[in-house]
């Protein structure tokens, strides 16, 4: 029998020498709230000093996935209220005003501190990335020491679809995958198991049917030994590792978003996947494509801590933007799937506007330590 410490939107249990975190909002695809992130941080801190807990496992309740990310409907309500108070969206037009605190700023600060704690955790941290593992779901898993995917895994940072940019350290993770990471971040691709492993977002493939046996084995065995025992090769090979994926390296080597699109258009004559990528990019927020391009490229020269701080600065500005609010409205709230981006094309996004997203706001800079 295990000892249960808390059950709510996130549940904690110690079974054998394994501390188990279960994200427990299956009807909301286990999306994260501020309280969940705070609770995980406190529990991880306690377990770090508990000699009875040798390693930690995080998993999701239900059958759909680990976690679909943060609760963006709460972000939307916060933006509507905050922007109305400030006189409407301030970006791309308007005079930015940052005197007011958005509740989402506090939530993101708590979440990003949790992400850094996971990355630096002193004990094995095993993430069961079964099913949907997107956005904040990547943040609670891909920074861990042992990342497990299954045949059902759909891993990715789809933020450009909702007028945002990869965060929770996603820019740092994707930067380490080079051009293919940039491709995944800009298109918001949902990656299967083999592609997630190829990009360095996961380590082991274990069939979904083995989840419970794996968990039980981890209650007594060490993470490395148990995972070596249970892991097998994915049935499907990585499309991103295929020989005919060279167009990704070539296209995303271009220095700007408009030039990347032109390179993809040219490659599309020979590679249908390149044409599909170009078509996908043209549905995303033009501004956030530029911001994502700069964020991932610059994260390659930063520590995880530095990348999280940069992402927080971008988020502070995005909460006051038109596109972040509009993206959530179109994709999640009203679900008409027809966001009206401002501006409408990557060719007219102002360079000063992009630079503004990376300008720290006094009094709103993230302190992770």
Protein backbone atom coordinates (compact mmCIF):
# COMPACT_ATOMS: atom_id res chain seq x y z
CA UNK A 1 0.00 0.00 0.00
CA UNK A 2 1.17 3.52 -0.73
CA UNK A 3 0.77 6.66 1.31
CA UNK A 4 -1.34 9.37 -0.27
CA UNK A 5 -0.52 12.95 0.67
CA UNK A 6 -2.96 15.05 -1.38
CA UNK A 7 -5.73 14.44 -3.89
CA UNK A 8 -7.36 17.17 -5.96
CA UNK A 9 -6.48 18.55 -9.38
CA UNK A 10 -3.13 16.88 -8.75
CA UNK A 11 -2.63 13.79 -6.59
CA UNK A 12 0.51 12.64 -4.76
CA UNK A 13 1.32 9.16 -3.52
CA UNK A 14 4.37 7.26 -2.32
CA UNK A 15 4.41 3.61 -3.39
CA UNK A 16 7.49 1.68 -2.38
CA UNK A 17 10.37 4.09 -3.03
CA UNK A 18 8.50 5.85 -5.85
CA UNK A 19 6.83 9.23 -5.46
CA UNK A 20 3.94 9.45 -7.92
CA UNK A 21 2.46 12.70 -9.23
CA UNK A 22 -0.85 12.29 -11.06
CA UNK A 23 -2.28 15.27 -12.93
CA UNK A 24 -5.94 14.81 -12.14
CA UNK A 25 -8.10 16.90 -14.47
CA UNK A 26 -8.92 14.32 -17.16
CA UNK A 27 -11.97 16.23 -18.46
CA UNK A 28 -9.67 19.21 -19.13
CA UNK A 29 -6.88 17.01 -20.55
CA UNK A 30 -5.06 17.55 -17.24
CA UNK A 31 -4.37 21.20 -18.09
CA UNK A 32 -2.34 23.03 -15.47
CA UNK A 33 -3.49 25.68 -13.02
CA UNK A 34 -1.40 27.89 -10.77
CA UNK A 35 -2.39 25.85 -7.72
CA UNK A 36 -1.35 22.61 -9.43
CA UNK A 37 2.08 24.06 -10.25
CA UNK A 38 2.49 25.36 -6.69
CA UNK A 39 1.48 21.99 -5.25
CA UNK A 40 3.92 20.08 -7.48
CA UNK A 41 6.74 22.45 -6.54
CA UNK A 42 6.09 22.04 -2.81
CA UNK A 43 5.82 18.25 -3.07
CA UNK A 44 8.97 17.91 -5.16
CA UNK A 45 10.84 19.99 -2.59
CA UNK A 46 9.63 17.72 0.21
CA UNK A 47 10.49 14.53 -1.65
CA UNK A 48 13.97 15.83 -2.50
CA UNK A 49 14.79 15.60 1.21
CA UNK A 50 12.85 12.40 1.92
CA UNK A 51 15.16 9.37 2.11
CA UNK A 52 12.19 7.05 1.57
CA UNK A 53 11.61 8.49 -1.91
CA UNK A 54 14.31 7.40 -4.35
CA UNK A 55 12.68 8.64 -7.58
CA UNK A 56 9.61 10.42 -8.90
CA UNK A 57 7.10 9.59 -11.65
CA UNK A 58 4.66 12.06 -13.23
CA UNK A 59 1.65 10.80 -15.18
CA UNK A 60 -1.79 11.95 -16.29
CA UNK A 61 -5.21 10.70 -15.17
CA UNK A 62 -7.57 9.30 -17.79
CA UNK A 63 -6.78 7.83 -21.16
CA UNK A 64 -6.19 10.93 -23.30
CA UNK A 65 -2.80 12.12 -22.20
CA UNK A 66 -0.35 13.50 -19.71
CA UNK A 67 -1.22 17.19 -20.09
CA UNK A 68 -2.50 19.52 -22.83
CA UNK A 69 -0.72 22.53 -21.33
CA UNK A 70 -1.84 25.44 -19.20
CA UNK A 71 -5.51 26.31 -18.80
CA UNK A 72 -5.64 28.85 -21.63
CA UNK A 73 -9.32 29.64 -21.07
CA UNK A 74 -8.22 31.19 -17.77
CA UNK A 75 -5.60 33.17 -19.72
CA UNK A 76 -8.32 34.37 -22.09
CA UNK A 77 -10.58 35.57 -19.26
CA UNK A 78 -7.62 37.33 -17.70
CA UNK A 79 -6.69 39.04 -20.97
CA UNK A 80 -10.25 40.15 -21.67
CA UNK A 81 -10.55 41.72 -18.22
CA UNK A 82 -7.05 43.20 -18.21
CA UNK A 83 -7.16 44.58 -21.73
CA UNK A 84 -10.59 46.10 -21.19
CA UNK A 85 -9.20 47.84 -18.11
CA UNK A 86 -6.25 49.13 -20.16
CA UNK A 87 -8.43 50.27 -23.07
CA UNK A 88 -8.03 47.28 -25.38
CA UNK A 89 -5.10 45.28 -26.77
CA UNK A 90 -1.93 47.36 -26.74
CA UNK A 91 0.04 45.38 -29.31
CA UNK A 92 0.52 45.75 -32.22
CA UNK A 93 -1.07 49.20 -31.94
CA UNK A 94 -1.34 51.43 -28.93
CA UNK A 95 0.95 52.64 -26.19
CA UNK A 96 2.02 49.72 -24.02
CA UNK A 97 1.07 50.14 -20.36
CA UNK A 98 2.32 47.70 -17.77
CA UNK A 99 1.24 49.18 -14.46
CA UNK A 100 -1.43 46.53 -13.96
CA UNK A 101 -0.71 42.97 -12.90
CA UNK A 102 -2.29 40.17 -14.91
CA UNK A 103 -3.12 37.04 -12.91
CA UNK A 104 -1.54 35.01 -15.71
CA UNK A 105 1.83 36.67 -15.05
CA UNK A 106 1.81 35.16 -11.57
CA UNK A 107 0.72 31.76 -12.87
CA UNK A 108 3.52 31.68 -15.45
CA UNK A 109 6.12 32.67 -12.87
CA UNK A 110 5.04 29.75 -10.66
CA UNK A 111 5.03 27.37 -13.64
CA UNK A 112 8.46 28.40 -14.91
CA UNK A 113 10.02 27.98 -11.45
CA UNK A 114 8.54 24.48 -11.38
CA UNK A 115 10.04 23.75 -14.81
CA UNK A 116 13.51 24.75 -13.60
CA UNK A 117 13.11 22.65 -10.45
CA UNK A 118 12.26 19.60 -12.59
CA UNK A 119 15.33 20.16 -14.77
CA UNK A 120 17.59 20.41 -11.72
CA UNK A 121 15.90 17.73 -9.60
CA UNK A 122 18.44 15.74 -7.57
CA UNK A 123 16.64 12.40 -7.97
CA UNK A 124 15.50 10.51 -11.08
CA UNK A 125 12.39 12.18 -12.48
CA UNK A 126 10.44 9.90 -14.81
CA UNK A 127 7.79 11.38 -17.12
CA UNK A 128 5.12 9.18 -18.66
CA UNK A 129 4.40 11.14 -21.87
CA UNK A 130 1.54 8.89 -22.98
CA UNK A 131 -1.06 10.52 -25.24
CA UNK A 132 -1.37 14.31 -25.47
CA UNK A 133 1.72 16.06 -24.12
CA UNK A 134 1.61 19.65 -25.34
CA UNK A 135 2.86 23.04 -24.18
CA UNK A 136 2.94 22.98 -20.39
CA UNK A 137 2.77 19.19 -20.64
CA UNK A 138 6.21 19.31 -22.24
CA UNK A 139 7.30 21.58 -19.40
CA UNK A 140 6.44 19.01 -16.72
CA UNK A 141 8.00 16.13 -18.66
CA UNK A 142 10.76 16.94 -21.15
CA UNK A 143 12.97 18.63 -18.53
CA UNK A 144 13.03 15.39 -16.54
CA UNK A 145 15.90 12.90 -16.43
CA UNK A 146 13.92 9.94 -17.87
CA UNK A 147 11.25 10.71 -20.52
CA UNK A 148 8.97 7.92 -21.76
CA UNK A 149 6.80 8.04 -24.90
CA UNK A 150 4.31 5.50 -26.23
CA UNK A 151 2.59 4.75 -29.52
CA UNK A 152 -0.13 7.21 -28.47
CA UNK A 153 2.20 10.12 -27.69
CA UNK A 154 1.55 13.46 -29.35
CA UNK A 155 4.29 15.78 -28.16
CA UNK A 156 4.68 19.40 -29.17
CA UNK A 157 4.69 23.14 -28.59
CA UNK A 158 1.65 24.39 -30.56
CA UNK A 159 1.67 27.96 -29.20
CA UNK A 160 1.94 29.79 -32.55
CA UNK A 161 -1.54 28.42 -33.31
CA UNK A 162 -2.99 30.52 -30.47
CA UNK A 163 -0.90 33.64 -31.06
CA UNK A 164 1.78 32.78 -28.50
CA UNK A 165 5.29 31.33 -28.57
CA UNK A 166 6.90 28.17 -27.13
CA UNK A 167 7.49 28.69 -23.41
CA UNK A 168 8.01 26.55 -20.25
CA UNK A 169 11.61 26.20 -21.47
CA UNK A 170 10.37 24.96 -24.83
CA UNK A 171 12.50 27.47 -26.72
CA UNK A 172 15.60 26.04 -24.98
CA UNK A 173 14.63 22.42 -25.69
CA UNK A 174 13.85 23.12 -29.34
CA UNK A 175 17.02 25.16 -29.84
CA UNK A 176 19.04 22.05 -29.05
CA UNK A 177 17.40 20.26 -31.96
CA UNK A 178 18.65 22.86 -34.46
CA UNK A 179 16.69 23.51 -37.65
CA UNK A 180 14.30 20.64 -36.93
CA UNK A 181 13.50 22.12 -33.53
CA UNK A 182 12.83 25.47 -35.17
CA UNK A 183 10.55 23.72 -37.67
CA UNK A 184 8.65 21.96 -34.86
CA UNK A 185 8.28 25.15 -32.82
CA UNK A 186 7.15 27.40 -35.66
CA UNK A 187 4.69 24.92 -37.18
CA UNK A 188 3.42 23.72 -33.78
CA UNK A 189 3.73 20.12 -34.97
CA UNK A 190 2.38 17.27 -32.85
CA UNK A 191 5.25 14.77 -32.81
CA UNK A 192 4.93 11.02 -32.54
CA UNK A 193 7.18 8.94 -30.33
CA UNK A 194 10.04 8.44 -32.79
CA UNK A 195 10.18 12.13 -33.74
CA UNK A 196 10.08 13.20 -30.08
CA UNK A 197 13.04 10.93 -29.33
CA UNK A 198 14.88 12.15 -32.44
CA UNK A 199 14.50 15.80 -31.34
CA UNK A 200 15.73 15.03 -27.82
CA UNK A 201 12.37 15.58 -26.13
CA UNK A 202 12.12 11.95 -24.96
CA UNK A 203 14.41 9.00 -24.24
CA UNK A 204 12.49 5.72 -24.11
CA UNK A 205 9.62 4.07 -25.97
CA UNK A 206 7.35 1.84 -23.87
CA UNK A 207 4.02 0.51 -25.20
CA UNK A 208 0.93 1.98 -23.55
CA UNK A 209 -0.18 -1.46 -22.43
CA UNK A 210 2.92 -1.67 -20.21
CA UNK A 211 2.24 1.51 -18.23
CA UNK A 212 0.97 -0.15 -15.06
CA UNK A 213 3.64 -2.87 -15.05
CA UNK A 214 6.28 -0.20 -15.58
CA UNK A 215 4.94 1.88 -12.69
CA UNK A 216 4.90 -1.13 -10.40
CA UNK A 217 8.47 -2.04 -11.35
CA UNK A 218 9.59 1.50 -10.55
CA UNK A 219 8.30 1.15 -6.97
CA UNK A 220 11.21 -1.17 -6.22
CA UNK A 221 13.73 -0.92 -9.08
CA UNK A 222 15.96 1.93 -10.23
CA UNK A 223 14.73 4.16 -13.07
CA UNK A 224 17.58 3.38 -15.45
CA UNK A 225 17.47 -0.38 -15.01
CA UNK A 226 13.68 -0.63 -15.18
CA UNK A 227 13.38 1.53 -18.28
CA UNK A 228 16.10 -0.43 -20.07
CA UNK A 229 14.08 -3.55 -19.31
CA UNK A 230 10.76 -2.17 -20.60
CA UNK A 231 11.85 0.01 -23.51
CA UNK A 232 11.69 -1.18 -27.12
CA UNK A 233 12.15 0.43 -30.52
CA UNK A 234 9.12 2.42 -31.78
CA UNK A 235 7.17 0.63 -34.48
CA UNK A 236 7.26 3.76 -36.66
CA UNK A 237 10.52 5.40 -37.66
CA UNK A 238 11.15 9.12 -37.32
CA UNK A 239 10.07 11.15 -40.33
CA UNK A 240 12.37 13.94 -39.15
CA UNK A 241 15.34 11.57 -39.31
CA UNK A 242 14.59 10.40 -42.85
CA UNK A 243 17.04 11.10 -45.66
CA UNK A 244 14.43 13.11 -47.58
CA UNK A 245 14.05 15.56 -44.66
CA UNK A 246 17.14 17.56 -45.73
CA UNK A 247 14.80 20.32 -46.93
CA UNK A 248 14.20 21.22 -43.27
CA UNK A 249 17.86 22.02 -42.67
CA UNK A 250 18.07 24.01 -45.87
CA UNK A 251 14.87 26.02 -45.50
CA UNK A 252 15.20 26.88 -41.81
CA UNK A 253 18.78 28.02 -42.28
CA UNK A 254 17.31 31.14 -43.89
CA UNK A 255 17.84 34.19 -41.65
CA UNK A 256 14.23 35.45 -41.48
CA UNK A 257 10.67 34.18 -41.46
CA UNK A 258 9.77 35.53 -44.94
CA UNK A 259 12.92 33.92 -46.35
CA UNK A 260 12.09 30.62 -44.64
CA UNK A 261 8.67 30.67 -46.29
CA UNK A 262 10.19 31.37 -49.70
CA UNK A 263 12.66 28.52 -49.20
CA UNK A 264 9.83 26.17 -48.23
CA UNK A 265 7.83 27.22 -51.29
CA UNK A 266 10.80 26.40 -53.51
CA UNK A 267 11.42 23.06 -51.79
CA UNK A 268 7.72 22.26 -52.03
CA UNK A 269 8.03 21.56 -55.75
CA UNK A 270 10.02 18.44 -54.89
CA UNK A 271 8.97 17.71 -51.30
CA UNK A 272 5.22 17.77 -50.47
CA UNK A 273 6.07 17.99 -46.76
CA UNK A 274 7.84 21.32 -47.37
CA UNK A 275 4.76 22.69 -49.16
CA UNK A 276 2.63 21.50 -46.26
CA UNK A 277 4.93 23.23 -43.78
CA UNK A 278 4.67 26.50 -45.72
CA UNK A 279 0.88 26.22 -45.79
CA UNK A 280 0.81 25.52 -42.03
CA UNK A 281 3.04 28.49 -41.21
CA UNK A 282 0.72 30.81 -43.12
CA UNK A 283 -2.11 29.93 -40.73
CA UNK A 284 -0.12 30.98 -37.64
CA UNK A 285 0.18 34.42 -36.05
CA UNK A 286 2.65 36.30 -38.29
CA UNK A 287 3.97 38.29 -35.35
CA UNK A 288 4.47 35.21 -33.22
CA UNK A 289 6.25 33.40 -36.03
CA UNK A 290 8.83 36.19 -35.95
CA UNK A 291 8.98 36.13 -32.14
CA UNK A 292 9.27 32.32 -32.07
CA UNK A 293 12.03 32.38 -34.69
CA UNK A 294 14.05 34.85 -32.62
CA UNK A 295 13.23 33.14 -29.31
CA UNK A 296 14.39 29.66 -30.36
CA UNK A 297 17.48 30.90 -32.17
CA UNK A 298 18.59 33.06 -29.25
CA UNK A 299 17.82 30.30 -26.69
CA UNK A 300 20.64 28.26 -28.22
CA UNK A 301 23.09 30.57 -26.50
CA UNK A 302 21.27 30.70 -23.16
CA UNK A 303 21.01 28.50 -20.10
CA UNK A 304 17.58 27.06 -19.32
CA UNK A 305 17.25 29.70 -16.62
CA UNK A 306 18.05 32.44 -19.14
CA UNK A 307 15.61 31.03 -21.68
CA UNK A 308 12.80 30.88 -19.11
CA UNK A 309 13.46 34.49 -18.15
CA UNK A 310 13.36 35.50 -21.82
CA UNK A 311 10.12 33.56 -22.34
CA UNK A 312 8.58 35.33 -19.36
CA UNK A 313 9.41 38.74 -20.81
CA UNK A 314 7.77 37.71 -24.10
CA UNK A 315 4.71 36.47 -22.19
CA UNK A 316 4.30 39.76 -20.30
CA UNK A 317 4.03 41.54 -23.64
CA UNK A 318 1.90 38.82 -25.27
CA UNK A 319 -0.75 39.14 -22.54
CA UNK A 320 -1.28 42.71 -23.74
CA UNK A 321 -1.41 41.76 -27.41
CA UNK A 322 -4.23 41.30 -29.87
CA UNK A 323 -2.98 38.01 -31.32
CA UNK A 324 -2.71 35.96 -28.11
CA UNK A 325 -6.25 36.86 -27.11
CA UNK A 326 -7.56 36.35 -30.64
CA UNK A 327 -5.82 33.00 -31.05
CA UNK A 328 -7.38 31.53 -27.91
CA UNK A 329 -10.76 32.95 -28.88
CA UNK A 330 -10.67 31.34 -32.32
CA UNK A 331 -9.14 28.00 -31.37
CA UNK A 332 -10.46 27.30 -27.87
CA UNK A 333 -13.28 29.62 -26.79
CA UNK A 334 -15.50 30.15 -29.84
CA UNK A 335 -13.75 27.46 -31.93
CA UNK A 336 -14.46 29.09 -35.29
CA UNK A 337 -10.83 28.32 -36.26
CA UNK A 338 -10.56 31.59 -38.18
CA UNK A 339 -8.30 33.93 -36.18
CA UNK A 340 -7.94 37.45 -37.55
CA UNK A 341 -4.27 38.20 -36.97
CA UNK A 342 -2.86 41.72 -36.80
CA UNK A 343 -0.83 42.21 -38.90
CA UNK A 344 -1.99 39.60 -41.40
CA UNK A 345 1.30 38.77 -43.14
CA UNK A 346 4.84 37.93 -42.05
CA UNK A 347 6.13 40.38 -44.68
CA UNK A 348 4.73 43.42 -42.84
CA UNK A 349 5.59 42.57 -39.24
CA UNK A 350 7.57 45.49 -37.86
CA UNK A 351 11.06 44.66 -36.60
CA UNK A 352 10.67 47.14 -33.75
CA UNK A 353 7.52 45.32 -32.64
CA UNK A 354 9.38 42.01 -32.54
CA UNK A 355 12.23 43.59 -30.58
CA UNK A 356 9.69 45.05 -28.14
CA UNK A 357 8.61 41.54 -27.11
CA UNK A 358 12.15 40.88 -25.87
CA UNK A 359 12.49 44.14 -23.91
CA UNK A 360 12.28 43.44 -20.16
CA UNK A 361 9.67 45.44 -18.27
CA UNK A 362 10.90 46.98 -14.99
CA UNK A 363 9.14 45.29 -12.08
CA UNK A 364 8.09 42.35 -14.27
CA UNK A 365 11.30 40.41 -14.69
CA UNK A 366 11.24 36.78 -13.62
CA UNK A 367 13.40 35.78 -10.68
CA UNK A 368 13.87 32.03 -10.68
CA UNK A 369 16.21 31.68 -7.70
